Amino acid sequence: MLTQELKIELPVEFSPDEIKLLLAIKLYEVGKLSMGQAARVAGYSKRAFMEILGHHHVPIFAYSPDDLAAEIDLLS
């Protein structure tokens, strides 16, 4: 896996761990990282990261309305 380093200056009230977590959440939310990748960036297990996503109101599963309806039909 290729990695890149980025240096940015932010206000002091943000810790590096908090910035990594928020970045990982957003990159997962927009589909740029998988759950596992985002969890690693944030420094958490997948299970812990899923719980954190819930606290931030980010869905774990990104189903479109049509995909969700199809899944429900399969279960019926």
Protein backbone atom coordinates (compact mmCIF):
# COMPACT_ATOMS: atom_id res chain seq x y z
CA MET A 1 0.00 0.00 0.00
CA LEU A 2 1.36 3.39 -0.98
CA THR A 3 1.26 6.12 1.61
CA GLN A 4 1.69 9.86 1.44
CA GLU A 5 2.53 12.34 4.12
CA LEU A 6 0.77 15.68 4.32
CA LYS A 7 1.67 18.49 6.68
CA ILE A 8 -0.94 21.12 7.49
CA GLU A 9 -1.18 23.72 10.20
CA LEU A 10 -4.35 23.71 12.30
CA PRO A 11 -5.47 25.51 15.42
CA VAL A 12 -4.01 24.07 18.62
CA GLU A 13 -7.37 22.81 19.91
CA PHE A 14 -7.22 19.86 17.47
CA SER A 15 -5.05 16.91 18.43
CA PRO A 16 -3.37 14.88 15.67
CA ASP A 17 -5.43 11.83 16.70
CA GLU A 18 -8.67 13.80 16.41
CA ILE A 19 -7.70 15.05 12.95
CA LYS A 20 -6.84 11.50 11.79
CA LEU A 21 -10.18 10.25 13.09
CA LEU A 22 -12.21 13.00 11.43
CA LEU A 23 -10.32 12.58 8.16
CA ALA A 24 -10.86 8.82 8.22
CA ILE A 25 -14.58 9.26 8.91
CA LYS A 26 -15.01 11.67 6.01
CA LEU A 27 -12.95 9.58 3.57
CA TYR A 28 -15.04 6.52 4.48
CA GLU A 29 -18.27 8.51 4.20
CA VAL A 30 -17.48 9.67 0.64
CA GLY A 31 -16.29 6.22 -0.42
CA LYS A 32 -12.59 6.96 -0.78
CA LEU A 33 -11.55 4.43 1.89
CA SER A 34 -12.94 1.05 2.83
CA MET A 35 -14.02 0.40 6.42
CA GLY A 36 -10.75 -1.39 7.17
CA GLN A 37 -8.61 1.30 5.57
CA ALA A 38 -10.40 4.08 7.42
CA ALA A 39 -10.13 2.20 10.72
CA ARG A 40 -6.36 1.83 10.21
CA VAL A 41 -5.95 5.53 9.36
CA ALA A 42 -7.85 6.45 12.52
CA GLY A 43 -5.94 3.92 14.62
CA TYR A 44 -8.95 1.82 15.66
CA SER A 45 -10.19 -1.72 15.12
CA LYS A 46 -12.97 -2.09 12.56
CA ARG A 47 -15.48 -2.79 15.33
CA ALA A 48 -14.50 0.32 17.30
CA PHE A 49 -14.52 2.41 14.12
CA MET A 50 -18.05 1.21 13.30
CA GLU A 51 -19.20 2.38 16.72
CA ILE A 52 -17.52 5.74 16.19
CA LEU A 53 -19.29 6.08 12.83
CA GLY A 54 -22.59 5.60 14.62
CA HIS A 55 -21.74 8.38 17.07
CA HIS A 56 -21.05 10.65 14.09
CA HIS A 57 -24.29 9.59 12.33
CA VAL A 58 -22.39 8.06 9.40
CA PRO A 59 -24.12 4.95 8.05
CA ILE A 60 -22.07 1.77 8.02
CA PHE A 61 -23.86 0.48 4.93
CA ALA A 62 -24.33 2.81 1.98
CA TYR A 63 -27.36 1.42 0.17
CA SER A 64 -29.20 3.43 -2.43
CA PRO A 65 -33.00 3.32 -2.00
CA ASP A 66 -33.26 0.89 -4.95
CA ASP A 67 -30.53 -1.40 -3.58
CA LEU A 68 -32.15 -1.40 -0.15
CA ALA A 69 -35.55 -2.26 -1.64
CA ALA A 70 -33.97 -5.12 -3.61
CA GLU A 71 -32.31 -6.48 -0.45
CA ILE A 72 -35.60 -6.31 1.45
CA ASP A 73 -37.36 -8.13 -1.40
CA LEU A 74 -34.76 -10.91 -1.21
CA LEU A 75 -35.43 -11.35 2.50
CA SER A 76 -39.21 -11.47 2.07
